């Protein structure tokens, strides 16, 4: 696989004033949550990154789906797979939360349509179909290594990958690594321009992340995002936001090891998002 590695590791920290005040805000939110929070904010306009526990591992949960569908697009573009290949959907394949594929039992779905279901509705059966077509979790990890991402790893499929057990390195990433990888996939040279636009469009049309950053984003900003949820009170959001006056800002927020219900986890993400938006003057 010949992928031009993105410039991972070239992290320039944001100025100390932002770093100090934002760190204090996130620390307070983390303490209130009872768990652990990891954040990375990559400002592509300045090429500076601000991070809180940015190099610690957190469960990826469904945020892996962007990476899997990016690999599908890449593999298709180089002739590795046929994105129009069809797969039959059987009752035995159906995983919990499969709003697109469950009504299609007995029918066929193309790999590209499976990615669309994965990205727009976070359909878990569709995600497993995509993983199977791209060679499984280990093949996705190899793709990331070829890009220059040495941290992110996928080891299992849905739904086991969402276990989120404390200290388990399987199916994890770091906030900094995820933000860098998203930047490479959406705005770098890993994918061709058409596939970049397809991936971005899927993320922009995501239907399952409305209670998170979308709920507080100013009207004149655009967002492309993918969320995730898992065991042990885990939640995550990865997003790119931009407008006509500002180049993309890549945000990765992960929360784990809490006893919070879903609404409470969503509120934690919103509070972190509000703190980020305030410091980076996203208004």
C-alpha atoms as a PDB file:
ATOM      1  CA  UNK A   1       0.000   0.000   0.000  1.00  0.00           C
ATOM      2  CA  UNK A   2       1.531   3.316  -1.046  1.00  0.00           C
ATOM      3  CA  UNK A   3       0.013   6.135   0.942  1.00  0.00           C
ATOM      4  CA  UNK A   4       1.864   9.396   1.319  1.00  0.00           C
ATOM      5  CA  UNK A   5       2.156   9.789   5.098  1.00  0.00           C
ATOM      6  CA  UNK A   6       0.579  12.910   6.511  1.00  0.00           C
ATOM      7  CA  UNK A   7       2.765  15.067   8.754  1.00  0.00           C
ATOM      8  CA  UNK A   8       1.762  13.436  12.010  1.00  0.00           C
ATOM      9  CA  UNK A   9       3.516  14.487  15.157  1.00  0.00           C
ATOM     10  CA  UNK A  10       4.143  18.092  14.085  1.00  0.00           C
ATOM     11  CA  UNK A  11       2.102  19.491  16.937  1.00  0.00           C
ATOM     12  CA  UNK A  12       2.431  23.154  17.815  1.00  0.00           C
ATOM     13  CA  UNK A  13       0.619  23.954  21.038  1.00  0.00           C
ATOM     14  CA  UNK A  14      -1.770  26.850  21.173  1.00  0.00           C
ATOM     15  CA  UNK A  15      -0.741  29.927  23.109  1.00  0.00           C
ATOM     16  CA  UNK A  16      -0.419  29.659  26.871  1.00  0.00           C
ATOM     17  CA  UNK A  17      -3.365  31.937  27.616  1.00  0.00           C
ATOM     18  CA  UNK A  18      -5.778  29.674  25.763  1.00  0.00           C
ATOM     19  CA  UNK A  19      -4.089  26.530  27.058  1.00  0.00           C
ATOM     20  CA  UNK A  20      -4.366  27.631  30.688  1.00  0.00           C
ATOM     21  CA  UNK A  21      -7.961  28.812  30.802  1.00  0.00           C
ATOM     22  CA  UNK A  22      -9.330  26.016  28.645  1.00  0.00           C
ATOM     23  CA  UNK A  23      -7.464  23.398  30.660  1.00  0.00           C
ATOM     24  CA  UNK A  24      -9.034  24.696  33.856  1.00  0.00           C
ATOM     25  CA  UNK A  25     -12.501  24.575  32.324  1.00  0.00           C
ATOM     26  CA  UNK A  26     -12.077  21.017  31.049  1.00  0.00           C
ATOM     27  CA  UNK A  27     -10.624  19.880  34.375  1.00  0.00           C
ATOM     28  CA  UNK A  28     -13.732  21.155  36.153  1.00  0.00           C
ATOM     29  CA  UNK A  29     -16.048  19.420  33.676  1.00  0.00           C
ATOM     30  CA  UNK A  30     -14.063  16.195  34.002  1.00  0.00           C
ATOM     31  CA  UNK A  31     -14.224  16.293  37.795  1.00  0.00           C
ATOM     32  CA  UNK A  32     -17.980  16.776  37.659  1.00  0.00           C
ATOM     33  CA  UNK A  33     -18.382  13.871  35.209  1.00  0.00           C
ATOM     34  CA  UNK A  34     -16.658  11.399  37.512  1.00  0.00           C
ATOM     35  CA  UNK A  35     -14.726   9.962  34.578  1.00  0.00           C
ATOM     36  CA  UNK A  36     -11.977  10.836  32.142  1.00  0.00           C
ATOM     37  CA  UNK A  37     -12.076  13.357  29.314  1.00  0.00           C
ATOM     38  CA  UNK A  38      -9.684  13.692  26.392  1.00  0.00           C
ATOM     39  CA  UNK A  39      -9.752  16.586  23.933  1.00  0.00           C
ATOM     40  CA  UNK A  40      -7.817  17.720  20.886  1.00  0.00           C
ATOM     41  CA  UNK A  41      -8.459  20.906  18.910  1.00  0.00           C
ATOM     42  CA  UNK A  42      -6.465  21.269  15.696  1.00  0.00           C
ATOM     43  CA  UNK A  43      -6.739  24.714  14.121  1.00  0.00           C
ATOM     44  CA  UNK A  44      -5.758  24.197  10.488  1.00  0.00           C
ATOM     45  CA  UNK A  45      -5.543  27.964   9.966  1.00  0.00           C
ATOM     46  CA  UNK A  46      -2.582  28.246  12.361  1.00  0.00           C
ATOM     47  CA  UNK A  47      -1.499  24.586  12.378  1.00  0.00           C
ATOM     48  CA  UNK A  48      -1.645  24.713  16.176  1.00  0.00           C
ATOM     49  CA  UNK A  49      -3.107  22.041  18.424  1.00  0.00           C
ATOM     50  CA  UNK A  50      -4.554  22.413  21.890  1.00  0.00           C
ATOM     51  CA  UNK A  51      -5.061  19.203  23.824  1.00  0.00           C
ATOM     52  CA  UNK A  52      -6.213  17.918  27.194  1.00  0.00           C
ATOM     53  CA  UNK A  53      -5.024  14.377  27.866  1.00  0.00           C
ATOM     54  CA  UNK A  54      -4.481  14.387  24.130  1.00  0.00           C
ATOM     55  CA  UNK A  55      -2.024  11.494  24.096  1.00  0.00           C
ATOM     56  CA  UNK A  56      -3.986   9.204  26.412  1.00  0.00           C
ATOM     57  CA  UNK A  57      -5.977   6.310  24.986  1.00  0.00           C
ATOM     58  CA  UNK A  58      -9.758   6.417  24.810  1.00  0.00           C
ATOM     59  CA  UNK A  59     -12.288   3.980  23.302  1.00  0.00           C
ATOM     60  CA  UNK A  60     -13.083   4.904  19.688  1.00  0.00           C
ATOM     61  CA  UNK A  61     -16.586   3.479  19.678  1.00  0.00           C
ATOM     62  CA  UNK A  62     -18.435   4.469  16.497  1.00  0.00           C
ATOM     63  CA  UNK A  63     -15.944   7.202  15.628  1.00  0.00           C
ATOM     64  CA  UNK A  64     -14.001   4.396  13.913  1.00  0.00           C
ATOM     65  CA  UNK A  65     -16.645   4.360  11.190  1.00  0.00           C
ATOM     66  CA  UNK A  66     -15.224   7.426   9.469  1.00  0.00           C
ATOM     67  CA  UNK A  67     -11.872   5.661   9.209  1.00  0.00           C
ATOM     68  CA  UNK A  68     -13.401   2.441   7.868  1.00  0.00           C
ATOM     69  CA  UNK A  69     -15.351   4.254   5.169  1.00  0.00           C
ATOM     70  CA  UNK A  70     -12.307   6.332   4.267  1.00  0.00           C
ATOM     71  CA  UNK A  71     -10.400   3.093   3.710  1.00  0.00           C
ATOM     72  CA  UNK A  72     -13.276   1.761   1.608  1.00  0.00           C
ATOM     73  CA  UNK A  73     -13.055   4.847  -0.609  1.00  0.00           C
ATOM     74  CA  UNK A  74      -9.280   4.599  -0.833  1.00  0.00           C
ATOM     75  CA  UNK A  75      -9.310   0.875  -1.633  1.00  0.00           C
ATOM     76  CA  UNK A  76     -11.937   1.423  -4.313  1.00  0.00           C
ATOM     77  CA  UNK A  77      -9.944   4.246  -5.900  1.00  0.00           C
ATOM     78  CA  UNK A  78      -6.824   2.078  -6.267  1.00  0.00           C
ATOM     79  CA  UNK A  79      -8.731  -0.975  -7.498  1.00  0.00           C
ATOM     80  CA  UNK A  80      -8.502  -2.959  -4.290  1.00  0.00           C
ATOM     81  CA  UNK A  81     -12.242  -3.437  -3.935  1.00  0.00           C
ATOM     82  CA  UNK A  82     -15.412  -2.743  -5.904  1.00  0.00           C
ATOM     83  CA  UNK A  83     -17.591  -0.316  -3.960  1.00  0.00           C
ATOM     84  CA  UNK A  84     -20.560  -1.390  -6.065  1.00  0.00           C
ATOM     85  CA  UNK A  85     -20.218  -5.036  -5.035  1.00  0.00           C
ATOM     86  CA  UNK A  86     -23.417  -6.269  -3.381  1.00  0.00           C
ATOM     87  CA  UNK A  87     -23.735  -8.202  -0.134  1.00  0.00           C
ATOM     88  CA  UNK A  88     -26.853 -10.047   0.975  1.00  0.00           C
ATOM     89  CA  UNK A  89     -28.333  -9.012   4.308  1.00  0.00           C
ATOM     90  CA  UNK A  90     -29.362 -11.930   6.501  1.00  0.00           C
ATOM     91  CA  UNK A  91     -31.179 -12.019   9.815  1.00  0.00           C
ATOM     92  CA  UNK A  92     -28.106 -13.567  11.437  1.00  0.00           C
ATOM     93  CA  UNK A  93     -25.991 -10.535  10.511  1.00  0.00           C
ATOM     94  CA  UNK A  94     -28.207  -7.981  12.197  1.00  0.00           C
ATOM     95  CA  UNK A  95     -26.596  -6.229  15.157  1.00  0.00           C
ATOM     96  CA  UNK A  96     -28.261  -3.939  17.697  1.00  0.00           C
ATOM     97  CA  UNK A  97     -28.918  -0.493  16.188  1.00  0.00           C
ATOM     98  CA  UNK A  98     -29.305  -1.309  12.520  1.00  0.00           C
ATOM     99  CA  UNK A  99     -32.065   1.094  11.423  1.00  0.00           C
ATOM    100  CA  UNK A 100     -31.141   0.903   7.736  1.00  0.00           C
ATOM    101  CA  UNK A 101     -30.168  -2.730   7.258  1.00  0.00           C
ATOM    102  CA  UNK A 102     -32.720  -4.462   9.486  1.00  0.00           C
ATOM    103  CA  UNK A 103     -35.648  -3.536   7.192  1.00  0.00           C
ATOM    104  CA  UNK A 104     -33.552  -4.823   4.266  1.00  0.00           C
ATOM    105  CA  UNK A 105     -33.211  -8.427   5.486  1.00  0.00           C
ATOM    106  CA  UNK A 106     -33.329 -10.668   2.435  1.00  0.00           C
ATOM    107  CA  UNK A 107     -32.145  -7.901   0.121  1.00  0.00           C
ATOM    108  CA  UNK A 108     -28.765  -6.787  -1.171  1.00  0.00           C
ATOM    109  CA  UNK A 109     -26.701  -3.715  -0.363  1.00  0.00           C
ATOM    110  CA  UNK A 110     -23.646  -2.304  -2.114  1.00  0.00           C
ATOM    111  CA  UNK A 111     -20.515  -1.568  -0.129  1.00  0.00           C
ATOM    112  CA  UNK A 112     -20.904   2.130  -0.878  1.00  0.00           C
ATOM    113  CA  UNK A 113     -24.512   2.124   0.356  1.00  0.00           C
ATOM    114  CA  UNK A 114     -23.344   0.240   3.447  1.00  0.00           C
ATOM    115  CA  UNK A 115     -20.912   3.088   4.107  1.00  0.00           C
ATOM    116  CA  UNK A 116     -23.675   5.608   3.609  1.00  0.00           C
ATOM    117  CA  UNK A 117     -25.810   3.778   6.190  1.00  0.00           C
ATOM    118  CA  UNK A 118     -22.802   3.552   8.486  1.00  0.00           C
ATOM    119  CA  UNK A 119     -22.000   7.248   8.283  1.00  0.00           C
ATOM    120  CA  UNK A 120     -25.477   8.790   8.198  1.00  0.00           C
ATOM    121  CA  UNK A 121     -27.249   6.498  10.670  1.00  0.00           C
ATOM    122  CA  UNK A 122     -24.345   4.733  12.442  1.00  0.00           C
ATOM    123  CA  UNK A 123     -25.870   1.407  11.346  1.00  0.00           C
ATOM    124  CA  UNK A 124     -23.820  -1.326  13.050  1.00  0.00           C
ATOM    125  CA  UNK A 125     -24.635  -4.148  10.647  1.00  0.00           C
ATOM    126  CA  UNK A 126     -23.642  -1.931   7.735  1.00  0.00           C
ATOM    127  CA  UNK A 127     -20.395  -1.098   9.529  1.00  0.00           C
ATOM    128  CA  UNK A 128     -19.568  -4.796   9.854  1.00  0.00           C
ATOM    129  CA  UNK A 129     -20.265  -5.293   6.149  1.00  0.00           C
ATOM    130  CA  UNK A 130     -17.832  -2.480   5.367  1.00  0.00           C
ATOM    131  CA  UNK A 131     -15.197  -3.909   7.702  1.00  0.00           C
ATOM    132  CA  UNK A 132     -15.511  -7.297   6.034  1.00  0.00           C
ATOM    133  CA  UNK A 133     -15.053  -5.771   2.585  1.00  0.00           C
ATOM    134  CA  UNK A 134     -11.937  -3.777   3.543  1.00  0.00           C
ATOM    135  CA  UNK A 135     -10.200  -6.743   5.163  1.00  0.00           C
ATOM    136  CA  UNK A 136     -11.284  -6.472   8.779  1.00  0.00           C
ATOM    137  CA  UNK A 137     -10.056  -4.484  11.778  1.00  0.00           C
ATOM    138  CA  UNK A 138      -6.393  -5.371  11.317  1.00  0.00           C
ATOM    139  CA  UNK A 139      -6.456  -4.133   7.729  1.00  0.00           C
ATOM    140  CA  UNK A 140      -7.904  -0.809   8.872  1.00  0.00           C
ATOM    141  CA  UNK A 141      -5.140  -0.496  11.463  1.00  0.00           C
ATOM    142  CA  UNK A 142      -2.531  -1.166   8.773  1.00  0.00           C
ATOM    143  CA  UNK A 143      -4.090   1.563   6.624  1.00  0.00           C
ATOM    144  CA  UNK A 144      -3.747   4.013   9.497  1.00  0.00           C
ATOM    145  CA  UNK A 145      -0.124   3.031  10.061  1.00  0.00           C
ATOM    146  CA  UNK A 146       0.595   3.656   6.381  1.00  0.00           C
ATOM    147  CA  UNK A 147      -0.904   7.126   6.819  1.00  0.00           C
ATOM    148  CA  UNK A 148       1.424   7.812   9.735  1.00  0.00           C
ATOM    149  CA  UNK A 149      -1.061   7.278  12.574  1.00  0.00           C
ATOM    150  CA  UNK A 150       0.861   5.124  15.079  1.00  0.00           C
ATOM    151  CA  UNK A 151      -1.773   5.231  17.828  1.00  0.00           C
ATOM    152  CA  UNK A 152      -5.234   4.416  16.497  1.00  0.00           C
ATOM    153  CA  UNK A 153      -6.101   0.720  16.379  1.00  0.00           C
ATOM    154  CA  UNK A 154      -9.187  -1.346  15.642  1.00  0.00           C
ATOM    155  CA  UNK A 155      -9.254  -4.916  16.925  1.00  0.00           C
ATOM    156  CA  UNK A 156     -12.882  -6.054  16.932  1.00  0.00           C
ATOM    157  CA  UNK A 157     -16.156  -5.555  15.075  1.00  0.00           C
ATOM    158  CA  UNK A 158     -19.587  -4.359  16.176  1.00  0.00           C
ATOM    159  CA  UNK A 159     -20.770  -4.545  18.879  1.00  0.00           C
ATOM    160  CA  UNK A 160     -17.747  -5.864  20.844  1.00  0.00           C
ATOM    161  CA  UNK A 161     -15.548  -2.898  19.918  1.00  0.00           C
ATOM    162  CA  UNK A 162     -17.738  -0.681  22.112  1.00  0.00           C
ATOM    163  CA  UNK A 163     -16.886  -2.548  25.330  1.00  0.00           C
ATOM    164  CA  UNK A 164     -14.678   0.340  26.529  1.00  0.00           C
ATOM    165  CA  UNK A 165     -13.133  -1.523  29.446  1.00  0.00           C
ATOM    166  CA  UNK A 166     -10.702   0.568  31.479  1.00  0.00           C
ATOM    167  CA  UNK A 167      -7.081  -0.072  30.508  1.00  0.00           C
ATOM    168  CA  UNK A 168      -7.928  -2.133  27.412  1.00  0.00           C
ATOM    169  CA  UNK A 169      -5.920  -0.819  24.460  1.00  0.00           C
ATOM    170  CA  UNK A 170      -8.112  -2.585  21.919  1.00  0.00           C
ATOM    171  CA  UNK A 171     -10.236  -0.371  19.694  1.00  0.00           C
ATOM    172  CA  UNK A 172      -8.720   2.846  21.008  1.00  0.00           C
ATOM    173  CA  UNK A 173      -7.232   6.083  19.773  1.00  0.00           C
ATOM    174  CA  UNK A 174      -5.865   9.267  21.282  1.00  0.00           C
ATOM    175  CA  UNK A 175      -7.600  12.599  20.767  1.00  0.00           C
ATOM    176  CA  UNK A 176      -4.532  14.077  19.071  1.00  0.00           C
ATOM    177  CA  UNK A 177      -4.089  11.093  16.749  1.00  0.00           C
ATOM    178  CA  UNK A 178      -7.747  11.132  15.742  1.00  0.00           C
ATOM    179  CA  UNK A 179      -7.730  14.844  14.955  1.00  0.00           C
ATOM    180  CA  UNK A 180      -4.599  14.487  12.849  1.00  0.00           C
ATOM    181  CA  UNK A 181      -6.041  11.506  11.006  1.00  0.00           C
ATOM    182  CA  UNK A 182      -9.303  13.323  10.282  1.00  0.00           C
ATOM    183  CA  UNK A 183      -7.351  16.291   8.973  1.00  0.00           C
ATOM    184  CA  UNK A 184      -5.407  13.995   6.657  1.00  0.00           C
ATOM    185  CA  UNK A 185      -8.546  12.269   5.387  1.00  0.00           C
ATOM    186  CA  UNK A 186     -10.734  15.339   4.934  1.00  0.00           C
ATOM    187  CA  UNK A 187      -8.208  17.988   3.946  1.00  0.00           C
ATOM    188  CA  UNK A 188      -4.959  16.181   3.131  1.00  0.00           C
ATOM    189  CA  UNK A 189      -3.809  14.040   0.234  1.00  0.00           C
ATOM    190  CA  UNK A 190      -4.693  10.518   1.396  1.00  0.00           C
ATOM    191  CA  UNK A 191      -7.926  10.465  -0.612  1.00  0.00           C
ATOM    192  CA  UNK A 192      -8.540  11.908  -4.045  1.00  0.00           C
ATOM    193  CA  UNK A 193     -10.673  15.095  -4.138  1.00  0.00           C
ATOM    194  CA  UNK A 194     -13.862  13.260  -5.120  1.00  0.00           C
ATOM    195  CA  UNK A 195     -13.539  10.751  -2.281  1.00  0.00           C
ATOM    196  CA  UNK A 196     -12.659  13.510   0.186  1.00  0.00           C
ATOM    197  CA  UNK A 197     -15.881  15.256  -0.767  1.00  0.00           C
ATOM    198  CA  UNK A 198     -17.881  12.033  -0.432  1.00  0.00           C
ATOM    199  CA  UNK A 199     -16.509  11.402   3.058  1.00  0.00           C
ATOM    200  CA  UNK A 200     -17.120  15.004   4.092  1.00  0.00           C
ATOM    201  CA  UNK A 201     -20.654  14.900   2.685  1.00  0.00           C
ATOM    202  CA  UNK A 202     -21.464  11.746   4.646  1.00  0.00           C
ATOM    203  CA  UNK A 203     -20.241  13.428   7.831  1.00  0.00           C
ATOM    204  CA  UNK A 204     -22.122  16.633   7.109  1.00  0.00           C
ATOM    205  CA  UNK A 205     -25.336  14.642   6.607  1.00  0.00           C
ATOM    206  CA  UNK A 206     -24.870  12.612   9.792  1.00  0.00           C
ATOM    207  CA  UNK A 207     -28.302  12.146  11.407  1.00  0.00           C
ATOM    208  CA  UNK A 208     -27.359  10.838  14.869  1.00  0.00           C
ATOM    209  CA  UNK A 209     -25.229  13.556  16.477  1.00  0.00           C
ATOM    210  CA  UNK A 210     -27.698  16.420  16.799  1.00  0.00           C
ATOM    211  CA  UNK A 211     -27.569  16.617  20.651  1.00  0.00           C
ATOM    212  CA  UNK A 212     -23.799  17.181  20.648  1.00  0.00           C
ATOM    213  CA  UNK A 213     -21.747  19.920  18.952  1.00  0.00           C
ATOM    214  CA  UNK A 214     -24.439  20.537  16.350  1.00  0.00           C
ATOM    215  CA  UNK A 215     -26.755  21.754  19.112  1.00  0.00           C
ATOM    216  CA  UNK A 216     -24.453  24.669  20.001  1.00  0.00           C
ATOM    217  CA  UNK A 217     -22.771  25.469  16.683  1.00  0.00           C
ATOM    218  CA  UNK A 218     -23.458  29.012  15.410  1.00  0.00           C
ATOM    219  CA  UNK A 219     -25.659  29.147  12.318  1.00  0.00           C
ATOM    220  CA  UNK A 220     -22.948  30.444  10.001  1.00  0.00           C
ATOM    221  CA  UNK A 221     -20.617  27.517  10.729  1.00  0.00           C
ATOM    222  CA  UNK A 222     -20.660  24.148   8.943  1.00  0.00           C
ATOM    223  CA  UNK A 223     -19.957  20.817  10.625  1.00  0.00           C
ATOM    224  CA  UNK A 224     -18.980  17.325   9.524  1.00  0.00           C
ATOM    225  CA  UNK A 225     -19.035  14.902  12.437  1.00  0.00           C
ATOM    226  CA  UNK A 226     -19.276  11.353  13.733  1.00  0.00           C
ATOM    227  CA  UNK A 227     -20.182  10.346  17.269  1.00  0.00           C
ATOM    228  CA  UNK A 228     -19.875   7.187  19.321  1.00  0.00           C
ATOM    229  CA  UNK A 229     -21.138   5.606  22.532  1.00  0.00           C
ATOM    230  CA  UNK A 230     -19.931   2.627  24.517  1.00  0.00           C
ATOM    231  CA  UNK A 231     -19.765   0.827  27.817  1.00  0.00           C
ATOM    232  CA  UNK A 232     -18.679   2.293  31.131  1.00  0.00           C
ATOM    233  CA  UNK A 233     -20.412   5.584  30.441  1.00  0.00           C
ATOM    234  CA  UNK A 234     -18.377   6.316  27.322  1.00  0.00           C
ATOM    235  CA  UNK A 235     -19.159   8.886  24.639  1.00  0.00           C
ATOM    236  CA  UNK A 236     -17.204  10.511  21.839  1.00  0.00           C
ATOM    237  CA  UNK A 237     -17.437  13.042  19.042  1.00  0.00           C
ATOM    238  CA  UNK A 238     -15.052  13.812  16.204  1.00  0.00           C
ATOM    239  CA  UNK A 239     -15.777  16.799  14.014  1.00  0.00           C
ATOM    240  CA  UNK A 240     -14.533  19.352  11.549  1.00  0.00           C
ATOM    241  CA  UNK A 241     -16.104  22.810  11.713  1.00  0.00           C
ATOM    242  CA  UNK A 242     -15.528  25.775   9.402  1.00  0.00           C
ATOM    243  CA  UNK A 243     -17.107  28.829   7.809  1.00  0.00           C
ATOM    244  CA  UNK A 244     -16.376  31.321   5.040  1.00  0.00           C
ATOM    245  CA  UNK A 245     -13.997  33.291   7.253  1.00  0.00           C
ATOM    246  CA  UNK A 246     -12.193  30.452   9.005  1.00  0.00           C
ATOM    247  CA  UNK A 247     -10.334  27.373   7.863  1.00  0.00           C
ATOM    248  CA  UNK A 248     -11.414  24.038   9.408  1.00  0.00           C
ATOM    249  CA  UNK A 249     -10.975  23.332  13.088  1.00  0.00           C
ATOM    250  CA  UNK A 250     -10.740  19.614  13.868  1.00  0.00           C
ATOM    251  CA  UNK A 251     -12.170  18.633  17.260  1.00  0.00           C
ATOM    252  CA  UNK A 252     -11.988  15.257  19.008  1.00  0.00           C
ATOM    253  CA  UNK A 253     -13.675  14.806  22.390  1.00  0.00           C
ATOM    254  CA  UNK A 254     -13.779  11.521  24.288  1.00  0.00           C
ATOM    255  CA  UNK A 255     -15.401  10.653  27.620  1.00  0.00           C
ATOM    256  CA  UNK A 256     -15.111   7.329  29.455  1.00  0.00           C
ATOM    257  CA  UNK A 257     -15.395   5.564  32.825  1.00  0.00           C
ATOM    258  CA  UNK A 258     -18.462   7.435  34.035  1.00  0.00           C
ATOM    259  CA  UNK A 259     -21.764   6.364  35.536  1.00  0.00           C
ATOM    260  CA  UNK A 260     -23.712   8.858  33.473  1.00  0.00           C
ATOM    261  CA  UNK A 261     -26.750   8.063  31.371  1.00  0.00           C
ATOM    262  CA  UNK A 262     -26.786   9.041  27.697  1.00  0.00           C
ATOM    263  CA  UNK A 263     -28.402  12.438  28.201  1.00  0.00           C
ATOM    264  CA  UNK A 264     -25.850  13.287  30.880  1.00  0.00           C
ATOM    265  CA  UNK A 265     -22.962  12.183  28.668  1.00  0.00           C
ATOM    266  CA  UNK A 266     -24.313  14.326  25.864  1.00  0.00           C
ATOM    267  CA  UNK A 267     -24.400  17.281  28.237  1.00  0.00           C
ATOM    268  CA  UNK A 268     -20.737  16.743  29.138  1.00  0.00           C
ATOM    269  CA  UNK A 269     -19.818  16.851  25.438  1.00  0.00           C
ATOM    270  CA  UNK A 270     -21.866  20.038  25.035  1.00  0.00           C
ATOM    271  CA  UNK A 271     -20.136  21.660  28.021  1.00  0.00           C
ATOM    272  CA  UNK A 272     -16.723  20.786  26.620  1.00  0.00           C
ATOM    273  CA  UNK A 273     -17.804  22.078  23.229  1.00  0.00           C
ATOM    274  CA  UNK A 274     -19.015  25.351  24.709  1.00  0.00           C
ATOM    275  CA  UNK A 275     -15.671  25.834  26.456  1.00  0.00           C
ATOM    276  CA  UNK A 276     -13.817  25.200  23.189  1.00  0.00           C
ATOM    277  CA  UNK A 277     -16.069  27.493  21.170  1.00  0.00           C
ATOM    278  CA  UNK A 278     -15.644  30.288  23.713  1.00  0.00           C
ATOM    279  CA  UNK A 279     -11.847  30.077  23.754  1.00  0.00           C
ATOM    280  CA  UNK A 280     -11.520  29.804  19.979  1.00  0.00           C
ATOM    281  CA  UNK A 281     -14.101  32.564  19.408  1.00  0.00           C
ATOM    282  CA  UNK A 282     -16.483  30.382  17.457  1.00  0.00           C
ATOM    283  CA  UNK A 283     -19.526  32.608  17.592  1.00  0.00           C
END
